[in-house]
C-alpha atoms as a PDB file:
ATOM      1  CA  MET A   1      92.491-108.018-113.280  1.00  0.00           C
ATOM      2  CA  ALA A   2      93.024-111.544-111.965  1.00  0.00           C
ATOM      3  CA  LEU A   3      90.193-114.056-112.096  1.00  0.00           C
ATOM      4  CA  ALA A   4      89.485-116.167-109.035  1.00  0.00           C
ATOM      5  CA  TYR A   5      89.816-119.918-109.556  1.00  0.00           C
ATOM      6  CA  LYS A   6      86.530-121.635-108.833  1.00  0.00           C
ATOM      7  CA  LEU A   7      86.629-125.152-107.460  1.00  0.00           C
ATOM      8  CA  PRO A   8      84.103-127.631-108.880  1.00  0.00           C
ATOM      9  CA  TYR A   9      80.743-127.500-107.157  1.00  0.00           C
ATOM     10  CA  THR A  10      79.815-130.384-104.882  1.00  0.00           C
ATOM     11  CA  TYR A  11      76.588-131.956-103.700  1.00  0.00           C
ATOM     12  CA  LYS A  12      76.874-129.810-100.557  1.00  0.00           C
ATOM     13  CA  ASP A  13      76.796-126.668-102.725  1.00  0.00           C
ATOM     14  CA  TYR A  14      74.002-128.099-104.865  1.00  0.00           C
ATOM     15  CA  SER A  15      71.810-128.816-101.855  1.00  0.00           C
ATOM     16  CA  GLN A  16      71.816-125.090-100.978  1.00  0.00           C
ATOM     17  CA  TRP A  17      70.721-123.780-104.381  1.00  0.00           C
ATOM     18  CA  GLU A  18      67.231-122.595-105.187  1.00  0.00           C
ATOM     19  CA  GLY A  19      65.586-123.499-108.458  1.00  0.00           C
ATOM     20  CA  ASP A  20      66.079-126.495-110.712  1.00  0.00           C
ATOM     21  CA  TRP A  21      69.660-127.555-111.337  1.00  0.00           C
ATOM     22  CA  GLU A  22      71.725-130.585-112.192  1.00  0.00           C
ATOM     23  CA  LEU A  23      75.341-131.029-111.185  1.00  0.00           C
ATOM     24  CA  ILE A  24      77.463-132.518-113.961  1.00  0.00           C
ATOM     25  CA  ASN A  25      81.146-133.157-113.251  1.00  0.00           C
ATOM     26  CA  GLY A  26      81.127-130.362-110.678  1.00  0.00           C
ATOM     27  CA  GLU A  27      79.501-127.868-113.045  1.00  0.00           C
ATOM     28  CA  ALA A  28      76.141-126.280-112.245  1.00  0.00           C
ATOM     29  CA  VAL A  29      73.715-126.800-115.133  1.00  0.00           C
ATOM     30  CA  ALA A  30      70.402-124.930-115.056  1.00  0.00           C
ATOM     31  CA  MET A  31      67.512-127.123-116.064  1.00  0.00           C
ATOM     32  CA  ALA A  32      65.087-126.032-118.749  1.00  0.00           C
ATOM     33  CA  PRO A  33      61.996-124.191-117.533  1.00  0.00           C
ATOM     34  CA  SER A  34      59.180-126.303-116.161  1.00  0.00           C
ATOM     35  CA  PRO A  35      58.348-129.082-118.634  1.00  0.00           C
ATOM     36  CA  PHE A  36      55.416-128.219-120.862  1.00  0.00           C
ATOM     37  CA  GLY A  37      52.253-130.118-121.758  1.00  0.00           C
ATOM     38  CA  PRO A  38      53.493-132.878-124.090  1.00  0.00           C
ATOM     39  CA  HIS A  39      56.445-133.654-121.813  1.00  0.00           C
ATOM     40  CA  GLN A  40      54.229-133.943-118.734  1.00  0.00           C
ATOM     41  CA  SER A  41      51.608-136.003-120.581  1.00  0.00           C
ATOM     42  CA  LEU A  42      54.284-138.441-121.752  1.00  0.00           C
ATOM     43  CA  LEU A  43      55.801-138.641-118.276  1.00  0.00           C
ATOM     44  CA  ILE A  44      52.427-139.651-116.827  1.00  0.00           C
ATOM     45  CA  ALA A  45      51.671-142.171-119.603  1.00  0.00           C
ATOM     46  CA  ILE A  46      55.078-143.871-119.339  1.00  0.00           C
ATOM     47  CA  SER A  47      54.954-143.931-115.532  1.00  0.00           C
ATOM     48  CA  SER A  48      51.476-145.479-115.706  1.00  0.00           C
ATOM     49  CA  ASP A  49      52.704-148.293-117.959  1.00  0.00           C
ATOM     50  CA  ILE A  50      55.489-149.052-115.482  1.00  0.00           C
ATOM     51  CA  ARG A  51      53.245-148.866-112.408  1.00  0.00           C
ATOM     52  CA  ASN A  52      50.613-151.113-113.989  1.00  0.00           C
ATOM     53  CA  ALA A  53      53.254-153.743-114.781  1.00  0.00           C
ATOM     54  CA  LEU A  54      54.733-153.546-111.280  1.00  0.00           C
ATOM     55  CA  LYS A  55      51.384-154.404-109.679  1.00  0.00           C
ATOM     56  CA  LYS A  56      51.862-157.970-110.957  1.00  0.00           C
ATOM     57  CA  CYS A  57      55.465-158.308-109.756  1.00  0.00           C
ATOM     58  CA  PRO A  58      56.615-160.182-106.662  1.00  0.00           C
ATOM     59  CA  LYS A  59      59.447-157.728-105.896  1.00  0.00           C
ATOM     60  CA  ARG A  60      58.496-154.248-104.787  1.00  0.00           C
ATOM     61  CA  CYS A  61      59.852-151.615-107.112  1.00  0.00           C
ATOM     62  CA  PHE A  62      58.988-147.936-107.192  1.00  0.00           C
ATOM     63  CA  VAL A  63      58.584-145.344-109.941  1.00  0.00           C
ATOM     64  CA  TYR A  64      59.870-141.831-109.293  1.00  0.00           C
ATOM     65  CA  ALA A  65      59.437-138.766-111.491  1.00  0.00           C
ATOM     66  CA  GLU A  66      62.005-135.974-111.533  1.00  0.00           C
ATOM     67  CA  LEU A  67      63.697-137.087-108.301  1.00  0.00           C
ATOM     68  CA  ASP A  68      67.388-136.333-107.780  1.00  0.00           C
ATOM     69  CA  TYR A  69      69.766-139.211-108.482  1.00  0.00           C
ATOM     70  CA  ILE A  70      72.887-138.493-106.426  1.00  0.00           C
ATOM     71  CA  ILE A  71      75.659-140.316-108.241  1.00  0.00           C
ATOM     72  CA  ASP A  72      78.603-138.910-106.319  1.00  0.00           C
ATOM     73  CA  GLU A  73      79.853-135.671-104.785  1.00  0.00           C
ATOM     74  CA  PHE A  74      80.143-133.966-108.190  1.00  0.00           C
ATOM     75  CA  ASN A  75      77.179-135.435-110.096  1.00  0.00           C
ATOM     76  CA  VAL A  76      73.478-135.078-109.360  1.00  0.00           C
ATOM     77  CA  PHE A  77      71.042-135.753-112.203  1.00  0.00           C
ATOM     78  CA  ARG A  78      67.270-135.431-112.240  1.00  0.00           C
ATOM     79  CA  PRO A  79      65.938-138.075-114.644  1.00  0.00           C
ATOM     80  CA  ASP A  80      62.400-137.734-115.925  1.00  0.00           C
ATOM     81  CA  ILE A  81      61.522-141.222-114.656  1.00  0.00           C
ATOM     82  CA  ALA A  82      63.500-143.670-112.530  1.00  0.00           C
ATOM     83  CA  LEU A  83      62.534-147.195-111.516  1.00  0.00           C
ATOM     84  CA  VAL A  84      64.205-148.296-108.297  1.00  0.00           C
ATOM     85  CA  CYS A  85      63.724-151.678-106.617  1.00  0.00           C
ATOM     86  CA  GLN A  86      64.358-150.321-103.163  1.00  0.00           C
ATOM     87  CA  LYS A  87      62.363-147.803-101.116  1.00  0.00           C
ATOM     88  CA  VAL A  88      63.817-144.305-101.464  1.00  0.00           C
ATOM     89  CA  LYS A  89      63.845-142.159 -98.343  1.00  0.00           C
ATOM     90  CA  ASP A  90      64.748-138.795 -99.842  1.00  0.00           C
ATOM     91  CA  PHE A  91      66.797-139.048-103.050  1.00  0.00           C
ATOM     92  CA  ILE A  92      67.967-141.869-105.296  1.00  0.00           C
ATOM     93  CA  ARG A  93      71.416-142.993-104.172  1.00  0.00           C
ATOM     94  CA  ILE A  94      71.731-146.352-105.952  1.00  0.00           C
ATOM     95  CA  PRO A  95      71.668-147.034-109.690  1.00  0.00           C
ATOM     96  CA  PRO A  96      68.039-147.334-110.813  1.00  0.00           C
ATOM     97  CA  LYS A  97      66.974-150.398-112.796  1.00  0.00           C
ATOM     98  CA  LEU A  98      65.535-148.112-115.486  1.00  0.00           C
ATOM     99  CA  ILE A  99      65.886-144.440-116.338  1.00  0.00           C
ATOM    100  CA  VAL A 100      63.659-142.749-118.903  1.00  0.00           C
ATOM    101  CA  GLU A 101      64.585-139.393-120.393  1.00  0.00           C
ATOM    102  CA  ILE A 102      62.032-137.560-122.527  1.00  0.00           C
ATOM    103  CA  LEU A 103      64.103-135.659-125.053  1.00  0.00           C
ATOM    104  CA  SER A 104      63.513-132.015-125.800  1.00  0.00           C
ATOM    105  CA  PRO A 105      65.491-129.712-128.073  1.00  0.00           C
ATOM    106  CA  SER A 106      67.251-128.202-125.046  1.00  0.00           C
ATOM    107  CA  THR A 107      68.172-131.542-123.405  1.00  0.00           C
ATOM    108  CA  ALA A 108      68.599-134.049-126.249  1.00  0.00           C
ATOM    109  CA  LEU A 109      72.358-133.643-126.679  1.00  0.00           C
ATOM    110  CA  LYS A 110      73.031-133.989-122.943  1.00  0.00           C
ATOM    111  CA  ASP A 111      70.653-136.978-122.672  1.00  0.00           C
ATOM    112  CA  ARG A 112      72.294-138.756-125.621  1.00  0.00           C
ATOM    113  CA  THR A 113      75.892-138.138-124.541  1.00  0.00           C
ATOM    114  CA  ILE A 114      76.746-137.198-120.955  1.00  0.00           C
ATOM    115  CA  LYS A 115      73.782-138.913-119.327  1.00  0.00           C
ATOM    116  CA  PHE A 116      74.029-141.967-121.591  1.00  0.00           C
ATOM    117  CA  GLN A 117      77.692-142.458-120.655  1.00  0.00           C
ATOM    118  CA  THR A 118      77.165-141.733-116.958  1.00  0.00           C
ATOM    119  CA  TYR A 119      74.163-144.039-116.574  1.00  0.00           C
ATOM    120  CA  GLN A 120      76.058-146.776-118.400  1.00  0.00           C
ATOM    121  CA  ASN A 121      79.146-146.361-116.190  1.00  0.00           C
ATOM    122  CA  GLU A 122      77.081-146.249-112.991  1.00  0.00           C
ATOM    123  CA  GLY A 123      75.304-149.537-113.715  1.00  0.00           C
ATOM    124  CA  VAL A 124      71.801-148.378-114.639  1.00  0.00           C
ATOM    125  CA  GLU A 125      70.448-151.561-116.223  1.00  0.00           C
ATOM    126  CA  TYR A 126      68.105-149.985-118.792  1.00  0.00           C
ATOM    127  CA  TYR A 127      68.074-146.539-120.375  1.00  0.00           C
ATOM    128  CA  MET A 128      65.141-145.386-122.478  1.00  0.00           C
ATOM    129  CA  MET A 129      65.139-142.222-124.576  1.00  0.00           C
ATOM    130  CA  VAL A 130      61.787-140.957-125.809  1.00  0.00           C
ATOM    131  CA  ASP A 131      61.920-138.481-128.688  1.00  0.00           C
ATOM    132  CA  TYR A 132      58.404-137.110-128.979  1.00  0.00           C
ATOM    133  CA  GLU A 133      59.245-134.832-131.916  1.00  0.00           C
ATOM    134  CA  LEU A 134      60.395-137.796-134.026  1.00  0.00           C
ATOM    135  CA  ARG A 135      57.938-140.127-132.256  1.00  0.00           C
ATOM    136  CA  LYS A 136      60.658-142.653-131.648  1.00  0.00           C
ATOM    137  CA  VAL A 137      61.611-144.657-128.560  1.00  0.00           C
ATOM    138  CA  ALA A 138      65.039-146.265-128.074  1.00  0.00           C
ATOM    139  CA  LEU A 139      65.730-148.790-125.320  1.00  0.00           C
ATOM    140  CA  TYR A 140      69.240-149.731-124.215  1.00  0.00           C
ATOM    141  CA  LYS A 141      70.300-152.521-121.882  1.00  0.00           C
ATOM    142  CA  ARG A 142      73.615-152.682-120.066  1.00  0.00           C
ATOM    143  CA  ILE A 143      75.330-155.857-121.269  1.00  0.00           C
ATOM    144  CA  ASP A 144      78.972-156.566-120.410  1.00  0.00           C
ATOM    145  CA  PHE A 145      79.338-153.081-118.873  1.00  0.00           C
ATOM    146  CA  GLU A 146      78.070-151.142-121.884  1.00  0.00           C
ATOM    147  CA  TYR A 147      74.738-150.190-123.386  1.00  0.00           C
ATOM    148  CA  LYS A 148      73.453-152.118-126.364  1.00  0.00           C
ATOM    149  CA  LYS A 149      70.334-150.936-128.169  1.00  0.00           C
ATOM    150  CA  ILE A 150      67.847-153.758-127.703  1.00  0.00           C
ATOM    151  CA  ASP A 151      64.802-152.100-129.236  1.00  0.00           C
ATOM    152  CA  GLU A 152      63.714-149.033-131.152  1.00  0.00           C
ATOM    153  CA  LYS A 153      60.122-148.342-132.107  1.00  0.00           C
ATOM    154  CA  GLU A 154      57.853-145.622-133.400  1.00  0.00           C
ATOM    155  CA  GLY A 155      54.702-147.385-132.222  1.00  0.00           C
ATOM    156  CA  GLY A 156      53.316-150.677-131.012  1.00  0.00           C
ATOM    157  CA  VAL A 157      54.402-152.391-127.818  1.00  0.00           C
ATOM    158  CA  MET A 158      57.914-152.425-126.377  1.00  0.00           C
ATOM    159  CA  GLU A 159      58.743-155.025-123.725  1.00  0.00           C
ATOM    160  CA  MET A 160      61.491-155.397-121.166  1.00  0.00           C
ATOM    161  CA  GLY A 161      62.141-157.487-118.066  1.00  0.00           C
ATOM    162  CA  ILE A 162      62.830-156.049-114.625  1.00  0.00           C
ATOM    163  CA  GLU A 163      63.351-158.291-111.595  1.00  0.00           C
ATOM    164  CA  SER A 164      61.564-161.254-113.254  1.00  0.00           C
ATOM    165  CA  CYS A 165      58.702-158.979-114.282  1.00  0.00           C
ATOM    166  CA  LYS A 166      57.562-158.129-117.783  1.00  0.00           C
ATOM    167  CA  VAL A 167      57.014-154.426-118.395  1.00  0.00           C
ATOM    168  CA  GLU A 168      55.065-153.466-121.500  1.00  0.00           C
ATOM    169  CA  PHE A 169      55.111-149.976-122.953  1.00  0.00           C
ATOM    170  CA  PHE A 170      52.128-149.049-125.129  1.00  0.00           C
ATOM    171  CA  ILE A 171      53.800-146.474-127.342  1.00  0.00           C
ATOM    172  CA  ASP A 172      50.841-145.676-129.601  1.00  0.00           C
ATOM    173  CA  GLU A 173      48.907-144.620-126.495  1.00  0.00           C
ATOM    174  CA  TRP A 174      51.742-142.251-125.540  1.00  0.00           C
ATOM    175  CA  TRP A 175      51.487-140.408-128.823  1.00  0.00           C
ATOM    176  CA  GLU A 176      47.713-140.073-128.368  1.00  0.00           C
ATOM    177  CA  VAL A 177      48.180-137.974-125.202  1.00  0.00           C
ATOM    178  CA  ILE A 178      50.360-135.388-126.894  1.00  0.00           C
END
């Protein structure tokens, strides 16, 4: 029996699917079931730190949780948190200033490899990975077209600059909510 050749999926295909998916290099990737308590609590705590810092900033930037980032026809990711300094009408279509991925056993490998490389290549300025099992946070900044780890902490305060604004992350408070 001959097998039919399947072309890579495109954003057009993706937009018709039901459920939670990501499109990675034309391949449909089912997302893990709905994030559970610790993941959601961290998402809210991290988003709150960003939003509180943005209130003091002259440039309007926006925090989005689990909103599709359409990279190209064959790649659509859904980062846990994205910071974009431009109003988003429906989906994110420009490289965010910051993407935060909260690692879980089912996503950690993809977040550390495929997403790391893609975000770096697409010009996402900062990439933060939060490993709640190890209670460790790593922050990367795109310098000379590649990510360099600029900070890694298990607690305390982590700082970064976005659009002439200082953003402080109160990591000990994150661990308190999980």
